[in-house]
C-alpha atoms as a PDB file:
ATOM      1  CA  MET A   1       0.000   0.000   0.000  1.00  0.00           C
ATOM      2  CA  PRO A   2       1.159   3.578  -0.570  1.00  0.00           C
ATOM      3  CA  PRO A   3       2.366   5.381   2.550  1.00  0.00           C
ATOM      4  CA  SER A   4      -0.181   7.449   4.401  1.00  0.00           C
ATOM      5  CA  SER A   5      -0.569  11.067   3.306  1.00  0.00           C
ATOM      6  CA  SER A   6       0.057  12.015   6.935  1.00  0.00           C
ATOM      7  CA  SER A   7       3.626  10.705   6.768  1.00  0.00           C
ATOM      8  CA  PRO A   8       6.300  13.326   7.489  1.00  0.00           C
ATOM      9  CA  SER A   9       7.418  15.224   4.406  1.00  0.00           C
ATOM     10  CA  THR A  10      11.085  14.753   5.253  1.00  0.00           C
ATOM     11  CA  GLN A  11      11.786  11.150   4.302  1.00  0.00           C
ATOM     12  CA  PRO A  12      15.126   9.424   3.709  1.00  0.00           C
ATOM     13  CA  ALA A  13      16.042   8.835   0.084  1.00  0.00           C
ATOM     14  CA  GLN A  14      13.942   6.049  -1.381  1.00  0.00           C
ATOM     15  CA  PRO A  15      15.915   2.858  -1.993  1.00  0.00           C
ATOM     16  CA  SER A  16      16.141   1.517  -5.516  1.00  0.00           C
ATOM     17  CA  ALA A  17      13.639  -1.010  -6.811  1.00  0.00           C
ATOM     18  CA  ALA A  18      16.354  -3.665  -6.627  1.00  0.00           C
ATOM     19  CA  ASP A  19      16.893  -2.880  -2.942  1.00  0.00           C
ATOM     20  CA  LEU A  20      13.173  -3.005  -2.209  1.00  0.00           C
ATOM     21  CA  ILE A  21      12.585  -6.464  -3.650  1.00  0.00           C
ATOM     22  CA  ALA A  22      15.671  -8.093  -2.074  1.00  0.00           C
ATOM     23  CA  PHE A  23      14.745  -9.413   1.378  1.00  0.00           C
ATOM     24  CA  GLY A  24      16.457 -11.446   4.079  1.00  0.00           C
ATOM     25  CA  GLY A  25      19.534  -9.362   4.750  1.00  0.00           C
ATOM     26  CA  PHE A  26      21.241 -10.009   1.408  1.00  0.00           C
ATOM     27  CA  PRO A  27      21.645  -7.615  -1.535  1.00  0.00           C
ATOM     28  CA  HIS A  28      19.985  -8.258  -4.863  1.00  0.00           C
ATOM     29  CA  PRO A  29      22.025 -10.919  -6.710  1.00  0.00           C
ATOM     30  CA  HIS A  30      22.083  -8.960  -9.979  1.00  0.00           C
ATOM     31  CA  GLN A  31      23.827  -5.683  -9.272  1.00  0.00           C
ATOM     32  CA  GLN A  32      24.397  -3.492 -12.306  1.00  0.00           C
ATOM     33  CA  PRO A  33      28.170  -3.080 -12.847  1.00  0.00           C
ATOM     34  CA  GLU A  34      29.904   0.277 -13.024  1.00  0.00           C
ATOM     35  CA  PHE A  35      32.687   1.008 -15.490  1.00  0.00           C
ATOM     36  CA  THR A  36      35.567   3.454 -15.692  1.00  0.00           C
ATOM     37  CA  ASP A  37      36.853   2.028 -18.991  1.00  0.00           C
ATOM     38  CA  PRO A  38      34.419   2.776 -21.869  1.00  0.00           C
ATOM     39  CA  TYR A  39      35.887  -0.066 -23.942  1.00  0.00           C
ATOM     40  CA  ALA A  40      35.122  -2.553 -21.178  1.00  0.00           C
ATOM     41  CA  LYS A  41      31.603  -1.126 -20.963  1.00  0.00           C
ATOM     42  CA  ARG A  42      31.236  -1.526 -24.724  1.00  0.00           C
ATOM     43  CA  ARG A  43      32.168  -5.227 -24.556  1.00  0.00           C
ATOM     44  CA  TRP A  44      29.705  -5.768 -21.696  1.00  0.00           C
ATOM     45  CA  MET A  45      26.916  -3.929 -23.540  1.00  0.00           C
ATOM     46  CA  LEU A  46      27.424  -5.910 -26.740  1.00  0.00           C
ATOM     47  CA  ASN A  47      27.289  -9.199 -24.823  1.00  0.00           C
ATOM     48  CA  HIS A  48      24.021  -8.166 -23.218  1.00  0.00           C
ATOM     49  CA  MET A  49      22.715  -6.964 -26.573  1.00  0.00           C
ATOM     50  CA  ALA A  50      23.365 -10.402 -28.068  1.00  0.00           C
ATOM     51  CA  GLY A  51      21.642 -11.970 -25.064  1.00  0.00           C
ATOM     52  CA  ALA A  52      18.623  -9.723 -25.549  1.00  0.00           C
ATOM     53  CA  PHE A  53      18.267 -10.877 -29.143  1.00  0.00           C
ATOM     54  CA  ARG A  54      18.361 -14.501 -28.057  1.00  0.00           C
ATOM     55  CA  VAL A  55      15.689 -13.833 -25.454  1.00  0.00           C
ATOM     56  CA  PHE A  56      13.562 -12.270 -28.194  1.00  0.00           C
ATOM     57  CA  ALA A  57      14.146 -15.307 -30.418  1.00  0.00           C
ATOM     58  CA  ARG A  58      13.073 -17.701 -27.658  1.00  0.00           C
ATOM     59  CA  LYS A  59       9.932 -15.670 -27.065  1.00  0.00           C
ATOM     60  CA  GLY A  60       9.017 -15.695 -30.761  1.00  0.00           C
ATOM     61  CA  PHE A  61       9.541 -12.034 -31.641  1.00  0.00           C
ATOM     62  CA  THR A  62      11.124 -12.719 -35.052  1.00  0.00           C
ATOM     63  CA  GLU A  63       9.458 -11.860 -38.361  1.00  0.00           C
ATOM     64  CA  GLY A  64      11.670 -12.206 -41.421  1.00  0.00           C
ATOM     65  CA  ALA A  65      14.317  -9.490 -41.444  1.00  0.00           C
ATOM     66  CA  ALA A  66      12.213  -7.092 -39.330  1.00  0.00           C
ATOM     67  CA  GLY A  67      13.164  -6.001 -35.831  1.00  0.00           C
ATOM     68  CA  HIS A  68      16.144  -4.289 -34.300  1.00  0.00           C
ATOM     69  CA  ILE A  69      17.884  -3.398 -31.064  1.00  0.00           C
ATOM     70  CA  SER A  70      20.412  -0.573 -30.799  1.00  0.00           C
ATOM     71  CA  ILE A  71      22.798   0.641 -28.105  1.00  0.00           C
ATOM     72  CA  ARG A  72      24.598   3.972 -27.909  1.00  0.00           C
ATOM     73  CA  ASP A  73      28.369   3.513 -28.053  1.00  0.00           C
ATOM     74  CA  PRO A  74      30.034   4.486 -24.741  1.00  0.00           C
ATOM     75  CA  VAL A  75      33.297   5.365 -26.486  1.00  0.00           C
ATOM     76  CA  ASP A  76      31.727   7.680 -29.079  1.00  0.00           C
ATOM     77  CA  PRO A  77      28.151   8.478 -27.981  1.00  0.00           C
ATOM     78  CA  THR A  78      27.323  10.052 -31.349  1.00  0.00           C
ATOM     79  CA  THR A  79      27.403   6.525 -32.826  1.00  0.00           C
ATOM     80  CA  PHE A  80      25.476   3.352 -32.055  1.00  0.00           C
ATOM     81  CA  TRP A  81      25.476  -0.414 -32.560  1.00  0.00           C
ATOM     82  CA  ILE A  82      22.669  -2.310 -34.285  1.00  0.00           C
ATOM     83  CA  ASN A  83      22.039  -5.848 -35.500  1.00  0.00           C
ATOM     84  CA  PRO A  84      23.080  -6.975 -38.996  1.00  0.00           C
ATOM     85  CA  LEU A  85      20.399  -7.341 -41.646  1.00  0.00           C
ATOM     86  CA  GLY A  86      19.059 -10.830 -42.291  1.00  0.00           C
ATOM     87  CA  VAL A  87      20.576 -12.725 -39.346  1.00  0.00           C
ATOM     88  CA  HIS A  88      18.196 -14.621 -37.065  1.00  0.00           C
ATOM     89  CA  PHE A  89      17.996 -13.188 -33.561  1.00  0.00           C
ATOM     90  CA  GLY A  90      18.806 -16.596 -32.086  1.00  0.00           C
ATOM     91  CA  LEU A  91      22.166 -16.758 -33.876  1.00  0.00           C
ATOM     92  CA  LEU A  92      23.507 -13.334 -32.974  1.00  0.00           C
ATOM     93  CA  THR A  93      26.700 -12.857 -30.980  1.00  0.00           C
ATOM     94  CA  ALA A  94      28.476  -9.745 -29.724  1.00  0.00           C
ATOM     95  CA  ALA A  95      30.853  -9.881 -32.702  1.00  0.00           C
ATOM     96  CA  ASP A  96      27.963  -9.756 -35.172  1.00  0.00           C
ATOM     97  CA  MET A  97      26.848  -6.251 -34.189  1.00  0.00           C
ATOM     98  CA  VAL A  98      27.356  -3.389 -36.631  1.00  0.00           C
ATOM     99  CA  HIS A  99      28.736  -0.010 -35.531  1.00  0.00           C
ATOM    100  CA  VAL A 100      27.241   2.950 -37.417  1.00  0.00           C
ATOM    101  CA  ASP A 101      27.550   6.704 -37.214  1.00  0.00           C
ATOM    102  CA  GLU A 102      24.662   9.154 -37.316  1.00  0.00           C
ATOM    103  CA  ASN A 103      24.888   9.325 -41.118  1.00  0.00           C
ATOM    104  CA  GLY A 104      24.546   5.567 -41.554  1.00  0.00           C
ATOM    105  CA  GLN A 105      28.210   4.914 -42.314  1.00  0.00           C
ATOM    106  CA  VAL A 106      29.306   1.445 -41.162  1.00  0.00           C
ATOM    107  CA  LEU A 107      32.417   1.901 -38.994  1.00  0.00           C
ATOM    108  CA  ALA A 108      35.511  -0.251 -39.202  1.00  0.00           C
ATOM    109  CA  ASP A 109      35.551  -1.547 -35.611  1.00  0.00           C
ATOM    110  CA  GLY A 110      32.303  -3.497 -35.982  1.00  0.00           C
ATOM    111  CA  ASN A 111      30.920  -6.171 -38.251  1.00  0.00           C
ATOM    112  CA  GLN A 112      31.149  -5.155 -41.918  1.00  0.00           C
ATOM    113  CA  HIS A 113      27.582  -5.901 -42.883  1.00  0.00           C
ATOM    114  CA  ALA A 114      24.419  -4.172 -44.120  1.00  0.00           C
ATOM    115  CA  VAL A 115      21.844  -3.016 -41.581  1.00  0.00           C
ATOM    116  CA  ASN A 116      18.073  -2.660 -41.925  1.00  0.00           C
ATOM    117  CA  THR A 117      17.188   0.702 -43.512  1.00  0.00           C
ATOM    118  CA  ALA A 118      14.078   1.198 -41.397  1.00  0.00           C
ATOM    119  CA  GLY A 119      16.032   0.176 -38.328  1.00  0.00           C
ATOM    120  CA  PHE A 120      18.639   2.857 -38.977  1.00  0.00           C
ATOM    121  CA  MET A 121      16.032   5.535 -39.678  1.00  0.00           C
ATOM    122  CA  ILE A 122      14.147   4.817 -36.457  1.00  0.00           C
ATOM    123  CA  HIS A 123      17.080   4.268 -34.115  1.00  0.00           C
ATOM    124  CA  SER A 124      19.235   7.136 -35.354  1.00  0.00           C
ATOM    125  CA  ALA A 125      16.322   9.513 -34.740  1.00  0.00           C
ATOM    126  CA  LEU A 126      15.724   8.053 -31.278  1.00  0.00           C
ATOM    127  CA  HIS A 127      19.356   8.379 -30.213  1.00  0.00           C
ATOM    128  CA  ARG A 128      19.500  11.983 -31.391  1.00  0.00           C
ATOM    129  CA  ALA A 129      16.224  12.928 -29.712  1.00  0.00           C
ATOM    130  CA  ARG A 130      16.796  11.114 -26.399  1.00  0.00           C
ATOM    131  CA  PRO A 131      20.352  11.564 -25.052  1.00  0.00           C
ATOM    132  CA  ASP A 132      19.081  10.230 -21.699  1.00  0.00           C
ATOM    133  CA  VAL A 133      18.615   6.693 -23.062  1.00  0.00           C
ATOM    134  CA  ASP A 134      21.268   4.324 -24.384  1.00  0.00           C
ATOM    135  CA  ALA A 135      19.197   1.504 -25.880  1.00  0.00           C
ATOM    136  CA  ALA A 136      16.065   0.958 -27.935  1.00  0.00           C
ATOM    137  CA  CYS A 137      14.130  -2.136 -28.993  1.00  0.00           C
ATOM    138  CA  HIS A 138      11.565  -2.652 -31.739  1.00  0.00           C
ATOM    139  CA  THR A 139      10.319  -5.912 -33.252  1.00  0.00           C
ATOM    140  CA  HIS A 140       7.199  -7.071 -35.058  1.00  0.00           C
ATOM    141  CA  SER A 141       5.977  -9.232 -32.175  1.00  0.00           C
ATOM    142  CA  THR A 142       2.581 -10.917 -32.483  1.00  0.00           C
ATOM    143  CA  TYR A 143       0.514  -9.354 -29.709  1.00  0.00           C
ATOM    144  CA  GLY A 144       2.172  -5.961 -30.074  1.00  0.00           C
ATOM    145  CA  ARG A 145       1.266  -5.841 -33.750  1.00  0.00           C
ATOM    146  CA  ALA A 146      -2.289  -6.923 -33.050  1.00  0.00           C
ATOM    147  CA  TYR A 147      -2.795  -4.447 -30.209  1.00  0.00           C
ATOM    148  CA  SER A 148      -1.209  -1.624 -32.195  1.00  0.00           C
ATOM    149  CA  SER A 149      -4.125  -1.771 -34.646  1.00  0.00           C
ATOM    150  CA  PHE A 150      -6.345  -0.149 -32.002  1.00  0.00           C
ATOM    151  CA  GLY A 151      -4.113   2.908 -31.599  1.00  0.00           C
ATOM    152  CA  ARG A 152      -4.706   3.085 -27.848  1.00  0.00           C
ATOM    153  CA  LYS A 153      -2.681   2.869 -24.662  1.00  0.00           C
ATOM    154  CA  LEU A 154      -2.669  -0.134 -22.361  1.00  0.00           C
ATOM    155  CA  ASP A 155      -5.146  -0.212 -19.489  1.00  0.00           C
ATOM    156  CA  MET A 156      -3.646  -0.299 -16.002  1.00  0.00           C
ATOM    157  CA  ILE A 157      -5.323  -3.592 -15.046  1.00  0.00           C
ATOM    158  CA  ASN A 158      -2.570  -5.445 -13.171  1.00  0.00           C
ATOM    159  CA  GLN A 159       0.582  -4.839 -11.177  1.00  0.00           C
ATOM    160  CA  ASP A 160       3.031  -5.623 -13.973  1.00  0.00           C
ATOM    161  CA  VAL A 161       1.603  -3.223 -16.537  1.00  0.00           C
ATOM    162  CA  LEU A 162       2.069  -0.392 -14.027  1.00  0.00           C
ATOM    163  CA  GLN A 163       5.683  -0.233 -15.244  1.00  0.00           C
ATOM    164  CA  PHE A 164       4.146   1.781 -18.102  1.00  0.00           C
ATOM    165  CA  TYR A 165       1.979   4.034 -15.944  1.00  0.00           C
ATOM    166  CA  ASN A 166       2.143   7.502 -17.510  1.00  0.00           C
ATOM    167  CA  VAL A 167       5.346   6.593 -19.411  1.00  0.00           C
ATOM    168  CA  HIS A 168       3.971   5.077 -22.599  1.00  0.00           C
ATOM    169  CA  THR A 169       2.306   6.715 -25.561  1.00  0.00           C
ATOM    170  CA  VAL A 170       0.796   5.985 -28.960  1.00  0.00           C
ATOM    171  CA  TYR A 171       2.269   7.054 -32.289  1.00  0.00           C
ATOM    172  CA  GLU A 172      -0.897   7.655 -34.282  1.00  0.00           C
ATOM    173  CA  GLY A 173       0.577   8.790 -37.580  1.00  0.00           C
ATOM    174  CA  TYR A 174       1.710   5.573 -39.267  1.00  0.00           C
ATOM    175  CA  GLY A 175       3.522   6.660 -42.428  1.00  0.00           C
ATOM    176  CA  GLY A 176       4.393   3.298 -43.957  1.00  0.00           C
ATOM    177  CA  VAL A 177       7.666   1.399 -43.738  1.00  0.00           C
ATOM    178  CA  ALA A 178      10.378   3.749 -42.419  1.00  0.00           C
ATOM    179  CA  LEU A 179      12.596   3.934 -45.487  1.00  0.00           C
ATOM    180  CA  GLU A 180      12.949   7.704 -45.179  1.00  0.00           C
ATOM    181  CA  ALA A 181      14.260   9.779 -42.280  1.00  0.00           C
ATOM    182  CA  ASP A 182      10.935  11.540 -41.694  1.00  0.00           C
ATOM    183  CA  GLU A 183       9.164   8.478 -40.288  1.00  0.00           C
ATOM    184  CA  GLY A 184      11.947   7.887 -37.762  1.00  0.00           C
ATOM    185  CA  VAL A 185      11.790  11.535 -36.705  1.00  0.00           C
ATOM    186  CA  HIS A 186       8.013  11.336 -36.276  1.00  0.00           C
ATOM    187  CA  ILE A 187       8.321   8.217 -34.118  1.00  0.00           C
ATOM    188  CA  ALA A 188      10.965   9.884 -31.936  1.00  0.00           C
ATOM    189  CA  GLU A 189       8.775  12.979 -31.583  1.00  0.00           C
ATOM    190  CA  ALA A 190       5.799  10.829 -30.558  1.00  0.00           C
ATOM    191  CA  LEU A 191       7.896   9.057 -27.926  1.00  0.00           C
ATOM    192  CA  GLY A 192       8.667  12.432 -26.382  1.00  0.00           C
ATOM    193  CA  GLN A 193      11.241  13.252 -23.727  1.00  0.00           C
ATOM    194  CA  THR A 194       9.989  11.168 -20.804  1.00  0.00           C
ATOM    195  CA  ASN A 195       8.226   8.077 -22.137  1.00  0.00           C
ATOM    196  CA  LYS A 196       9.827   4.643 -21.945  1.00  0.00           C
ATOM    197  CA  ALA A 197       7.643   2.998 -24.566  1.00  0.00           C
ATOM    198  CA  ALA A 198       5.416   3.671 -27.541  1.00  0.00           C
ATOM    199  CA  ILE A 199       2.707   1.709 -29.319  1.00  0.00           C
ATOM    200  CA  LEU A 200       3.235   2.418 -33.016  1.00  0.00           C
ATOM    201  CA  ARG A 201      -0.213   2.250 -34.588  1.00  0.00           C
ATOM    202  CA  ASN A 202      -0.492  -0.491 -37.242  1.00  0.00           C
ATOM    203  CA  HIS A 203       3.165  -1.348 -36.666  1.00  0.00           C
ATOM    204  CA  GLY A 204       4.155  -2.687 -33.240  1.00  0.00           C
ATOM    205  CA  LEU A 205       5.931  -1.798 -30.014  1.00  0.00           C
ATOM    206  CA  LEU A 206       9.022   0.256 -29.176  1.00  0.00           C
ATOM    207  CA  THR A 207      10.843   0.591 -25.856  1.00  0.00           C
ATOM    208  CA  VAL A 208      13.894   2.488 -24.609  1.00  0.00           C
ATOM    209  CA  GLY A 209      16.147   2.335 -21.564  1.00  0.00           C
ATOM    210  CA  LYS A 210      19.413   3.332 -19.928  1.00  0.00           C
ATOM    211  CA  THR A 211      20.669  -0.193 -20.604  1.00  0.00           C
ATOM    212  CA  VAL A 212      19.774  -2.724 -23.261  1.00  0.00           C
ATOM    213  CA  ASP A 213      18.587  -4.901 -20.372  1.00  0.00           C
ATOM    214  CA  GLU A 214      16.042  -2.285 -19.288  1.00  0.00           C
ATOM    215  CA  ALA A 215      14.783  -1.688 -22.822  1.00  0.00           C
ATOM    216  CA  ALA A 216      14.585  -5.417 -23.557  1.00  0.00           C
ATOM    217  CA  TYR A 217      12.754  -6.220 -20.323  1.00  0.00           C
ATOM    218  CA  LEU A 218      10.241  -3.456 -21.009  1.00  0.00           C
ATOM    219  CA  PHE A 219       9.688  -4.845 -24.500  1.00  0.00           C
ATOM    220  CA  THR A 220       9.008  -8.375 -23.251  1.00  0.00           C
ATOM    221  CA  LEU A 221       6.709  -6.949 -20.579  1.00  0.00           C
ATOM    222  CA  MET A 222       4.813  -4.741 -23.019  1.00  0.00           C
ATOM    223  CA  GLU A 223       4.294  -7.644 -25.413  1.00  0.00           C
ATOM    224  CA  LYS A 224       2.977  -9.795 -22.560  1.00  0.00           C
ATOM    225  CA  SER A 225       0.788  -6.912 -21.353  1.00  0.00           C
ATOM    226  CA  CYS A 226      -0.823  -6.696 -24.793  1.00  0.00           C
ATOM    227  CA  GLU A 227      -1.579 -10.419 -24.612  1.00  0.00           C
ATOM    228  CA  VAL A 228      -3.011 -10.111 -21.099  1.00  0.00           C
ATOM    229  CA  GLN A 229      -5.215  -7.213 -22.136  1.00  0.00           C
ATOM    230  CA  PHE A 230      -6.619  -9.226 -25.039  1.00  0.00           C
ATOM    231  CA  LEU A 231      -7.542 -11.996 -22.591  1.00  0.00           C
ATOM    232  CA  ALA A 232      -9.103  -9.570 -20.114  1.00  0.00           C
ATOM    233  CA  ASP A 233     -11.051  -7.715 -22.802  1.00  0.00           C
ATOM    234  CA  SER A 234     -12.277 -10.999 -24.276  1.00  0.00           C
ATOM    235  CA  LEU A 235     -13.697 -12.124 -20.942  1.00  0.00           C
ATOM    236  CA  ALA A 236     -15.238  -8.720 -20.370  1.00  0.00           C
ATOM    237  CA  ASP A 237     -16.931  -8.844 -23.779  1.00  0.00           C
ATOM    238  CA  LYS A 238     -18.024 -12.494 -23.775  1.00  0.00           C
ATOM    239  CA  LYS A 239     -18.918 -12.980 -20.129  1.00  0.00           C
ATOM    240  CA  GLY A 240     -19.859  -9.455 -19.152  1.00  0.00           C
ATOM    241  CA  PHE A 241     -17.219  -9.373 -16.422  1.00  0.00           C
ATOM    242  CA  LYS A 242     -16.324  -5.975 -15.022  1.00  0.00           C
ATOM    243  CA  LYS A 243     -12.717  -4.942 -15.598  1.00  0.00           C
ATOM    244  CA  PHE A 244     -11.231  -2.977 -12.696  1.00  0.00           C
ATOM    245  CA  ILE A 245      -8.677  -0.273 -13.454  1.00  0.00           C
ATOM    246  CA  ILE A 246      -6.091   0.336 -10.717  1.00  0.00           C
ATOM    247  CA  ASP A 247      -6.591   3.626  -8.882  1.00  0.00           C
ATOM    248  CA  GLU A 248      -4.151   6.427  -9.659  1.00  0.00           C
ATOM    249  CA  LYS A 249      -2.693   6.596  -6.132  1.00  0.00           C
ATOM    250  CA  GLU A 250      -1.780   2.904  -6.032  1.00  0.00           C
ATOM    251  CA  ALA A 251      -0.622   2.977  -9.638  1.00  0.00           C
ATOM    252  CA  GLN A 252       1.750   5.888  -9.036  1.00  0.00           C
ATOM    253  CA  TRP A 253       3.153   4.411  -5.832  1.00  0.00           C
ATOM    254  CA  THR A 254       3.798   1.050  -7.468  1.00  0.00           C
ATOM    255  CA  PHE A 255       5.425   2.698 -10.472  1.00  0.00           C
ATOM    256  CA  ASP A 256       7.655   4.844  -8.245  1.00  0.00           C
ATOM    257  CA  SER A 257       8.673   1.795  -6.192  1.00  0.00           C
ATOM    258  CA  THR A 258       9.505  -0.598  -9.023  1.00  0.00           C
ATOM    259  CA  SER A 259      10.329   1.157 -12.261  1.00  0.00           C
ATOM    260  CA  ASP A 260      13.746   2.791 -11.918  1.00  0.00           C
ATOM    261  CA  ALA A 261      16.481   1.871 -14.386  1.00  0.00           C
ATOM    262  CA  GLU A 262      18.376  -0.313 -11.927  1.00  0.00           C
ATOM    263  CA  GLY A 263      15.290  -2.283 -10.970  1.00  0.00           C
ATOM    264  CA  LEU A 264      14.334  -2.882 -14.591  1.00  0.00           C
ATOM    265  CA  TYR A 265      17.901  -3.974 -15.345  1.00  0.00           C
ATOM    266  CA  THR A 266      17.652  -6.622 -12.627  1.00  0.00           C
ATOM    267  CA  GLU A 267      14.313  -7.874 -13.954  1.00  0.00           C
ATOM    268  CA  PHE A 268      15.955  -8.874 -17.232  1.00  0.00           C
ATOM    269  CA  GLN A 269      18.827 -10.848 -15.707  1.00  0.00           C
ATOM    270  CA  PRO A 270      17.035 -14.211 -15.234  1.00  0.00           C
ATOM    271  CA  ASP A 271      16.212 -14.315 -18.970  1.00  0.00           C
ATOM    272  CA  PHE A 272      19.691 -13.096 -19.921  1.00  0.00           C
ATOM    273  CA  LEU A 273      21.459 -15.661 -17.747  1.00  0.00           C
ATOM    274  CA  TYR A 274      19.253 -18.409 -19.168  1.00  0.00           C
ATOM    275  CA  GLU A 275      20.568 -17.521 -22.614  1.00  0.00           C
ATOM    276  CA  VAL A 276      24.163 -17.403 -21.368  1.00  0.00           C
ATOM    277  CA  ALA A 277      23.781 -20.886 -19.905  1.00  0.00           C
ATOM    278  CA  HIS A 278      22.409 -22.264 -23.173  1.00  0.00           C
ATOM    279  CA  SER A 279      24.779 -20.467 -25.558  1.00  0.00           C
ATOM    280  CA  ASN A 280      27.855 -22.647 -24.956  1.00  0.00           C
ATOM    281  CA  GLY A 281      29.968 -19.493 -24.832  1.00  0.00           C
ATOM    282  CA  GLN A 282      28.705 -18.224 -28.200  1.00  0.00           C
ATOM    283  CA  LEU A 283      27.336 -14.879 -27.000  1.00  0.00           C
ATOM    284  CA  GLU A 284      30.785 -13.322 -26.578  1.00  0.00           C
ATOM    285  CA  LYS A 285      32.220 -14.554 -29.867  1.00  0.00           C
END
C-alpha cells in the first residue's frame, strides 16, 4: 500500500527497486556493474545486446528481417550499434553487431555488414532525440502488432503493466515502412522526452532504456501486457465481467517503487542468464 498522506514530508532517500525487492539481509544478486573504462563497458553492452536478441528469439519475436535493437556507443556516444540485416535473432553474438555513425556509415571496428534501412532511420532519430537513453528495442511481435491496430494505450489492469503508468504513448501517424528519415523523426517525436515505450499504430511496439537490459525487459513486458489485455477484454466482452482499473494513487506508488532503471535492469537478468547458460559461450564470440 502507498504510505499514508500524513507521513512526514522529510523522508530518507527512497531505496532503488532492486533494494526493495531483495529481502532477508542479502543484496539483490544482480547488481548493475559500473565502469571506468568505456571499452570494457562496450564489450559488456554488446554481450548483453546479443543476449537480448536470443531472449527475443526464444519468445518468438522474429518476423523475417524485421526487428532491431540498438545501443549507444560508450566510447563515441554520437554513434550506435545495431544488428546486422538478415541474421536470425537466435544466432547473434556480440561480434555480429554493426557499428554505425549518425549518417549511416558502417564503422571499421564493428561487423562489416548491411543493416536494416528502417532500423537505422528509427534508431538514429531516437538516439539523437533522447540523449538520456542508451538503448532501444523494436520488433514485429505478435501481440504488439495486433494491439497496435487499435491505436490506444494499455489499461492499467494489473501490477506488472504499471511499469508503463504515464510513461507510454501511442504514435498515431503511421507513415508506412520507415525507409525515409521523416518516419523515424516522427516516431521519436511521438515518444517524447519522458516516455519509456510507444505503441506504433499499425506497426508494433518500441521501448527504450538506460541499458539494453532495461529496454529489452520493457519490450518483453509490453508484449505480454498486450496479450493479457486481449484476454481480459475478451472475458469482459463475452462474459460481461467488469474490468477494474487500478486507482491512480496505487498505480503511481507502485510505479515509483519498481520502475527505476536499476530495478528494470535486474528484472531482465534471469532471462539473460538463461541464454548465457544455453549459448555454450557463443554470445561473446
